[in-house]
Amino acid sequence: MTENEKRLLRPLALMCDQYLRAPDGDLDHLCISAGEEAVERLVEHGMISPHARGGRWTSAGKALLASH
């Protein structure tokens, strides 16, 4: 991932983690189009693996969330 991609994807990942995280730790976009599109972009970049109505963080996604 380039620095530019990281700079763009990290805020999106942080917002998804804050607003879409279900109690079991999965992400659930609740069929809200902005959430759906955010999850799709993160899936495209390998940060989330699709699951049910959202996804689960991959190891790359967890590393992105933990980066500074």
PDB file of N, CA and C in Angstrom:
ATOM      1  N   MET A   1       0.852  -1.172   0.000  1.00  0.00           N
ATOM      2  CA  MET A   1       0.000   0.000   0.000  1.00  0.00           C
ATOM      3  C   MET A   1       0.901   1.238   0.000  1.00  0.00           C
ATOM      4  N   THR A   2       0.563   2.170  -0.865  1.00  0.00           N
ATOM      5  CA  THR A   2       1.340   3.408  -0.904  1.00  0.00           C
ATOM      6  C   THR A   2       0.982   4.293   0.290  1.00  0.00           C
ATOM      7  N   GLU A   3       1.831   5.260   0.552  1.00  0.00           N
ATOM      8  CA  GLU A   3       1.543   6.199   1.643  1.00  0.00           C
ATOM      9  C   GLU A   3       0.250   6.974   1.373  1.00  0.00           C
ATOM     10  N   ASN A   4       0.004   7.308   0.110  1.00  0.00           N
ATOM     11  CA  ASN A   4      -1.218   8.029  -0.232  1.00  0.00           C
ATOM     12  C   ASN A   4      -2.454   7.166   0.036  1.00  0.00           C
ATOM     13  N   GLU A   5      -2.384   5.878  -0.345  1.00  0.00           N
ATOM     14  CA  GLU A   5      -3.509   4.977  -0.062  1.00  0.00           C
ATOM     15  C   GLU A   5      -3.736   4.852   1.434  1.00  0.00           C
ATOM     16  N   LYS A   6      -2.650   4.718   2.173  1.00  0.00           N
ATOM     17  CA  LYS A   6      -2.761   4.609   3.637  1.00  0.00           C
ATOM     18  C   LYS A   6      -3.398   5.873   4.214  1.00  0.00           C
ATOM     19  N   ARG A   7      -2.974   7.025   3.709  1.00  0.00           N
ATOM     20  CA  ARG A   7      -3.507   8.304   4.199  1.00  0.00           C
ATOM     21  C   ARG A   7      -5.001   8.419   3.928  1.00  0.00           C
ATOM     22  N   LEU A   8      -5.468   7.844   2.833  1.00  0.00           N
ATOM     23  CA  LEU A   8      -6.890   7.897   2.494  1.00  0.00           C
ATOM     24  C   LEU A   8      -7.707   6.793   3.172  1.00  0.00           C
ATOM     25  N   LEU A   9      -7.140   5.600   3.258  1.00  0.00           N
ATOM     26  CA  LEU A   9      -7.899   4.460   3.778  1.00  0.00           C
ATOM     27  C   LEU A   9      -7.968   4.417   5.305  1.00  0.00           C
ATOM     28  N   ARG A  10      -6.936   4.902   5.988  1.00  0.00           N
ATOM     29  CA  ARG A  10      -6.936   4.814   7.460  1.00  0.00           C
ATOM     30  C   ARG A  10      -8.114   5.561   8.080  1.00  0.00           C
ATOM     31  N   PRO A  11      -8.403   6.810   7.693  1.00  0.00           N
ATOM     32  CA  PRO A  11      -9.575   7.482   8.275  1.00  0.00           C
ATOM     33  C   PRO A  11     -10.882   6.744   7.974  1.00  0.00           C
ATOM     34  N   LEU A  12     -10.993   6.190   6.770  1.00  0.00           N
ATOM     35  CA  LEU A  12     -12.193   5.424   6.420  1.00  0.00           C
ATOM     36  C   LEU A  12     -12.308   4.189   7.307  1.00  0.00           C
ATOM     37  N   ALA A  13     -11.191   3.509   7.514  1.00  0.00           N
ATOM     38  CA  ALA A  13     -11.188   2.322   8.376  1.00  0.00           C
ATOM     39  C   ALA A  13     -11.548   2.689   9.817  1.00  0.00           C
ATOM     40  N   LEU A  14     -10.994   3.785  10.310  1.00  0.00           N
ATOM     41  CA  LEU A  14     -11.302   4.208  11.678  1.00  0.00           C
ATOM     42  C   LEU A  14     -12.779   4.540  11.842  1.00  0.00           C
ATOM     43  N   MET A  15     -13.358   5.222  10.846  1.00  0.00           N
ATOM     44  CA  MET A  15     -14.788   5.547  10.920  1.00  0.00           C
ATOM     45  C   MET A  15     -15.633   4.277  10.863  1.00  0.00           C
ATOM     46  N   CYS A  16     -15.260   3.340   9.999  1.00  0.00           N
ATOM     47  CA  CYS A  16     -16.003   2.075   9.929  1.00  0.00           C
ATOM     48  C   CYS A  16     -15.924   1.342  11.260  1.00  0.00           C
ATOM     49  N   ASP A  17     -14.728   1.308  11.841  1.00  0.00           N
ATOM     50  CA  ASP A  17     -14.555   0.602  13.109  1.00  0.00           C
ATOM     51  C   ASP A  17     -15.386   1.261  14.212  1.00  0.00           C
ATOM     52  N   GLN A  18     -15.467   2.571  14.189  1.00  0.00           N
ATOM     53  CA  GLN A  18     -16.226   3.287  15.217  1.00  0.00           C
ATOM     54  C   GLN A  18     -17.733   3.171  15.026  1.00  0.00           C
ATOM     55  N   TYR A  19     -18.212   3.314  13.792  1.00  0.00           N
ATOM     56  CA  TYR A  19     -19.646   3.415  13.571  1.00  0.00           C
ATOM     57  C   TYR A  19     -20.320   2.146  13.073  1.00  0.00           C
ATOM     58  N   LEU A  20     -19.556   1.199  12.534  1.00  0.00           N
ATOM     59  CA  LEU A  20     -20.167  -0.008  11.972  1.00  0.00           C
ATOM     60  C   LEU A  20     -19.875  -1.261  12.778  1.00  0.00           C
ATOM     61  N   ARG A  21     -19.052  -1.165  13.821  1.00  0.00           N
ATOM     62  CA  ARG A  21     -18.673  -2.357  14.588  1.00  0.00           C
ATOM     63  C   ARG A  21     -19.857  -2.882  15.384  1.00  0.00           C
ATOM     64  N   ALA A  22     -20.158  -4.151  15.154  1.00  0.00           N
ATOM     65  CA  ALA A  22     -21.223  -4.843  15.888  1.00  0.00           C
ATOM     66  C   ALA A  22     -20.639  -5.394  17.192  1.00  0.00           C
ATOM     67  N   PRO A  23     -21.475  -5.780  18.139  1.00  0.00           N
ATOM     68  CA  PRO A  23     -20.984  -6.309  19.416  1.00  0.00           C
ATOM     69  C   PRO A  23     -20.026  -7.507  19.273  1.00  0.00           C
ATOM     70  N   ASP A  24     -20.195  -8.297  18.214  1.00  0.00           N
ATOM     71  CA  ASP A  24     -19.311  -9.458  18.029  1.00  0.00           C
ATOM     72  C   ASP A  24     -17.992  -9.091  17.348  1.00  0.00           C
ATOM     73  N   GLY A  25     -17.786  -7.796  17.039  1.00  0.00           N
ATOM     74  CA  GLY A  25     -16.546  -7.344  16.421  1.00  0.00           C
ATOM     75  C   GLY A  25     -16.598  -7.257  14.907  1.00  0.00           C
ATOM     76  N   ASP A  26     -17.611  -7.882  14.290  1.00  0.00           N
ATOM     77  CA  ASP A  26     -17.782  -7.765  12.839  1.00  0.00           C
ATOM     78  C   ASP A  26     -18.264  -6.357  12.502  1.00  0.00           C
ATOM     79  N   LEU A  27     -18.211  -6.023  11.222  1.00  0.00           N
ATOM     80  CA  LEU A  27     -18.743  -4.745  10.763  1.00  0.00           C
ATOM     81  C   LEU A  27     -20.095  -4.988  10.117  1.00  0.00           C
ATOM     82  N   ASP A  28     -21.067  -4.147  10.431  1.00  0.00           N
ATOM     83  CA  ASP A  28     -22.418  -4.275   9.895  1.00  0.00           C
ATOM     84  C   ASP A  28     -22.837  -2.901   9.384  1.00  0.00           C
ATOM     85  N   HIS A  29     -22.966  -2.775   8.066  1.00  0.00           N
ATOM     86  CA  HIS A  29     -23.298  -1.474   7.485  1.00  0.00           C
ATOM     87  C   HIS A  29     -24.785  -1.146   7.587  1.00  0.00           C
ATOM     88  N   LEU A  30     -25.596  -2.049   8.119  1.00  0.00           N
ATOM     89  CA  LEU A  30     -27.019  -1.813   8.359  1.00  0.00           C
ATOM     90  C   LEU A  30     -27.765  -1.393   7.096  1.00  0.00           C
ATOM     91  N   CYS A  31     -27.274  -1.786   5.938  1.00  0.00           N
ATOM     92  CA  CYS A  31     -27.879  -1.459   4.638  1.00  0.00           C
ATOM     93  C   CYS A  31     -27.943   0.040   4.379  1.00  0.00           C
ATOM     94  N   ILE A  32     -27.065   0.797   5.015  1.00  0.00           N
ATOM     95  CA  ILE A  32     -26.941   2.232   4.762  1.00  0.00           C
ATOM     96  C   ILE A  32     -25.920   2.379   3.637  1.00  0.00           C
ATOM     97  N   SER A  33     -26.284   3.063   2.566  1.00  0.00           N
ATOM     98  CA  SER A  33     -25.452   3.080   1.365  1.00  0.00           C
ATOM     99  C   SER A  33     -24.033   3.588   1.616  1.00  0.00           C
ATOM    100  N   ALA A  34     -23.851   4.594   2.449  1.00  0.00           N
ATOM    101  CA  ALA A  34     -22.500   5.091   2.726  1.00  0.00           C
ATOM    102  C   ALA A  34     -21.664   4.021   3.420  1.00  0.00           C
ATOM    103  N   GLY A  35     -22.276   3.281   4.334  1.00  0.00           N
ATOM    104  CA  GLY A  35     -21.575   2.190   5.004  1.00  0.00           C
ATOM    105  C   GLY A  35     -21.254   1.060   4.047  1.00  0.00           C
ATOM    106  N   GLU A  36     -22.202   0.743   3.173  1.00  0.00           N
ATOM    107  CA  GLU A  36     -21.982  -0.296   2.173  1.00  0.00           C
ATOM    108  C   GLU A  36     -20.798   0.060   1.281  1.00  0.00           C
ATOM    109  N   GLU A  37     -20.760   1.312   0.812  1.00  0.00           N
ATOM    110  CA  GLU A  37     -19.679   1.743  -0.071  1.00  0.00           C
ATOM    111  C   GLU A  37     -18.346   1.777   0.658  1.00  0.00           C
ATOM    112  N   ALA A  38     -18.342   2.200   1.898  1.00  0.00           N
ATOM    113  CA  ALA A  38     -17.103   2.219   2.677  1.00  0.00           C
ATOM    114  C   ALA A  38     -16.552   0.804   2.836  1.00  0.00           C
ATOM    115  N   VAL A  39     -17.417  -0.135   3.180  1.00  0.00           N
ATOM    116  CA  VAL A  39     -16.995  -1.530   3.326  1.00  0.00           C
ATOM    117  C   VAL A  39     -16.478  -2.059   1.986  1.00  0.00           C
ATOM    118  N   GLU A  40     -17.166  -1.750   0.893  1.00  0.00           N
ATOM    119  CA  GLU A  40     -16.730  -2.204  -0.434  1.00  0.00           C
ATOM    120  C   GLU A  40     -15.328  -1.696  -0.762  1.00  0.00           C
ATOM    121  N   ARG A  41     -15.044  -0.413  -0.475  1.00  0.00           N
ATOM    122  CA  ARG A  41     -13.717   0.135  -0.765  1.00  0.00           C
ATOM    123  C   ARG A  41     -12.652  -0.571   0.065  1.00  0.00           C
ATOM    124  N   LEU A  42     -12.952  -0.852   1.323  1.00  0.00           N
ATOM    125  CA  LEU A  42     -11.973  -1.523   2.179  1.00  0.00           C
ATOM    126  C   LEU A  42     -11.801  -2.983   1.783  1.00  0.00           C
ATOM    127  N   VAL A  43     -12.853  -3.624   1.295  1.00  0.00           N
ATOM    128  CA  VAL A  43     -12.744  -4.990   0.768  1.00  0.00           C
ATOM    129  C   VAL A  43     -11.828  -4.985  -0.455  1.00  0.00           C
ATOM    130  N   GLU A  44     -12.019  -4.009  -1.350  1.00  0.00           N
ATOM    131  CA  GLU A  44     -11.191  -3.906  -2.557  1.00  0.00           C
ATOM    132  C   GLU A  44      -9.710  -3.799  -2.240  1.00  0.00           C
ATOM    133  N   HIS A  45      -9.392  -3.211  -1.108  1.00  0.00           N
ATOM    134  CA  HIS A  45      -7.987  -3.024  -0.725  1.00  0.00           C
ATOM    135  C   HIS A  45      -7.500  -4.081   0.265  1.00  0.00           C
ATOM    136  N   GLY A  46      -8.311  -5.105   0.506  1.00  0.00           N
ATOM    137  CA  GLY A  46      -7.882  -6.212   1.356  1.00  0.00           C
ATOM    138  C   GLY A  46      -7.904  -5.938   2.847  1.00  0.00           C
ATOM    139  N   MET A  47      -8.601  -4.883   3.267  1.00  0.00           N
ATOM    140  CA  MET A  47      -8.657  -4.539   4.688  1.00  0.00           C
ATOM    141  C   MET A  47      -9.778  -5.283   5.413  1.00  0.00           C
ATOM    142  N   ILE A  48     -10.789  -5.667   4.674  1.00  0.00           N
ATOM    143  CA  ILE A  48     -11.961  -6.356   5.217  1.00  0.00           C
ATOM    144  C   ILE A  48     -12.255  -7.557   4.331  1.00  0.00           C
ATOM    145  N   SER A  49     -12.644  -8.656   4.953  1.00  0.00           N
ATOM    146  CA  SER A  49     -13.169  -9.787   4.177  1.00  0.00           C
ATOM    147  C   SER A  49     -14.688  -9.730   4.288  1.00  0.00           C
ATOM    148  N   PRO A  50     -15.400  -9.847   3.161  1.00  0.00           N
ATOM    149  CA  PRO A  50     -16.859  -9.731   3.192  1.00  0.00           C
ATOM    150  C   PRO A  50     -17.493 -10.828   4.045  1.00  0.00           C
ATOM    151  N   HIS A  51     -18.506 -10.443   4.771  1.00  0.00           N
ATOM    152  CA  HIS A  51     -19.243 -11.392   5.606  1.00  0.00           C
ATOM    153  C   HIS A  51     -20.604 -10.784   5.917  1.00  0.00           C
ATOM    154  N   ALA A  52     -21.634 -11.555   5.706  1.00  0.00           N
ATOM    155  CA  ALA A  52     -23.021 -11.148   6.020  1.00  0.00           C
ATOM    156  C   ALA A  52     -23.310  -9.755   5.474  1.00  0.00           C
ATOM    157  N   ARG A  53     -23.724  -8.853   6.336  1.00  0.00           N
ATOM    158  CA  ARG A  53     -24.109  -7.497   5.936  1.00  0.00           C
ATOM    159  C   ARG A  53     -22.969  -6.515   6.199  1.00  0.00           C
ATOM    160  N   GLY A  54     -21.755  -6.954   5.920  1.00  0.00           N
ATOM    161  CA  GLY A  54     -20.590  -6.112   6.165  1.00  0.00           C
ATOM    162  C   GLY A  54     -19.325  -6.905   5.960  1.00  0.00           C
ATOM    163  N   GLY A  55     -18.574  -7.116   7.021  1.00  0.00           N
ATOM    164  CA  GLY A  55     -17.336  -7.856   6.883  1.00  0.00           C
ATOM    165  C   GLY A  55     -16.609  -8.027   8.195  1.00  0.00           C
ATOM    166  N   ARG A  56     -15.416  -8.589   8.052  1.00  0.00           N
ATOM    167  CA  ARG A  56     -14.520  -8.803   9.197  1.00  0.00           C
ATOM    168  C   ARG A  56     -13.155  -8.234   8.842  1.00  0.00           C
ATOM    169  N   TRP A  57     -12.490  -7.645   9.806  1.00  0.00           N
ATOM    170  CA  TRP A  57     -11.163  -7.098   9.565  1.00  0.00           C
ATOM    171  C   TRP A  57     -10.195  -8.220   9.218  1.00  0.00           C
ATOM    172  N   THR A  58      -9.379  -7.980   8.197  1.00  0.00           N
ATOM    173  CA  THR A  58      -8.295  -8.901   7.881  1.00  0.00           C
ATOM    174  C   THR A  58      -7.088  -8.490   8.724  1.00  0.00           C
ATOM    175  N   SER A  59      -6.022  -9.259   8.668  1.00  0.00           N
ATOM    176  CA  SER A  59      -4.805  -8.866   9.411  1.00  0.00           C
ATOM    177  C   SER A  59      -4.272  -7.536   8.876  1.00  0.00           C
ATOM    178  N   ALA A  60      -4.390  -7.307   7.562  1.00  0.00           N
ATOM    179  CA  ALA A  60      -3.955  -6.017   6.986  1.00  0.00           C
ATOM    180  C   ALA A  60      -4.820  -4.870   7.519  1.00  0.00           C
ATOM    181  N   GLY A  61      -6.114  -5.111   7.637  1.00  0.00           N
ATOM    182  CA  GLY A  61      -7.013  -4.093   8.173  1.00  0.00           C
ATOM    183  C   GLY A  61      -6.725  -3.786   9.626  1.00  0.00           C
ATOM    184  N   LYS A  62      -6.457  -4.809  10.406  1.00  0.00           N
ATOM    185  CA  LYS A  62      -6.123  -4.605  11.820  1.00  0.00           C
ATOM    186  C   LYS A  62      -4.821  -3.827  11.949  1.00  0.00           C
ATOM    187  N   ALA A  63      -3.851  -4.121  11.069  1.00  0.00           N
ATOM    188  CA  ALA A  63      -2.580  -3.397  11.090  1.00  0.00           C
ATOM    189  C   ALA A  63      -2.799  -1.927  10.715  1.00  0.00           C
ATOM    190  N   LEU A  64      -3.672  -1.680   9.736  1.00  0.00           N
ATOM    191  CA  LEU A  64      -3.973  -0.302   9.345  1.00  0.00           C
ATOM    192  C   LEU A  64      -4.605   0.464  10.503  1.00  0.00           C
ATOM    193  N   LEU A  65      -5.524  -0.161  11.214  1.00  0.00           N
ATOM    194  CA  LEU A  65      -6.165   0.488  12.364  1.00  0.00           C
ATOM    195  C   LEU A  65      -5.152   0.813  13.462  1.00  0.00           C
ATOM    196  N   ALA A  66      -4.159  -0.051  13.628  1.00  0.00           N
ATOM    197  CA  ALA A  66      -3.183   0.121  14.692  1.00  0.00           C
ATOM    198  C   ALA A  66      -2.055   1.093  14.314  1.00  0.00           C
ATOM    199  N   SER A  67      -1.931   1.415  13.013  1.00  0.00           N
ATOM    200  CA  SER A  67      -0.824   2.281  12.566  1.00  0.00           C
ATOM    201  C   SER A  67      -1.079   3.734  12.963  1.00  0.00           C
ATOM    202  N   HIS A  68      -0.021   4.508  12.939  1.00  0.00           N
ATOM    203  CA  HIS A  68      -0.129   5.934  13.289  1.00  0.00           C
ATOM    204  C   HIS A  68       0.256   6.787  12.122  1.00  0.00           C
TER     205      HIS A  68
END
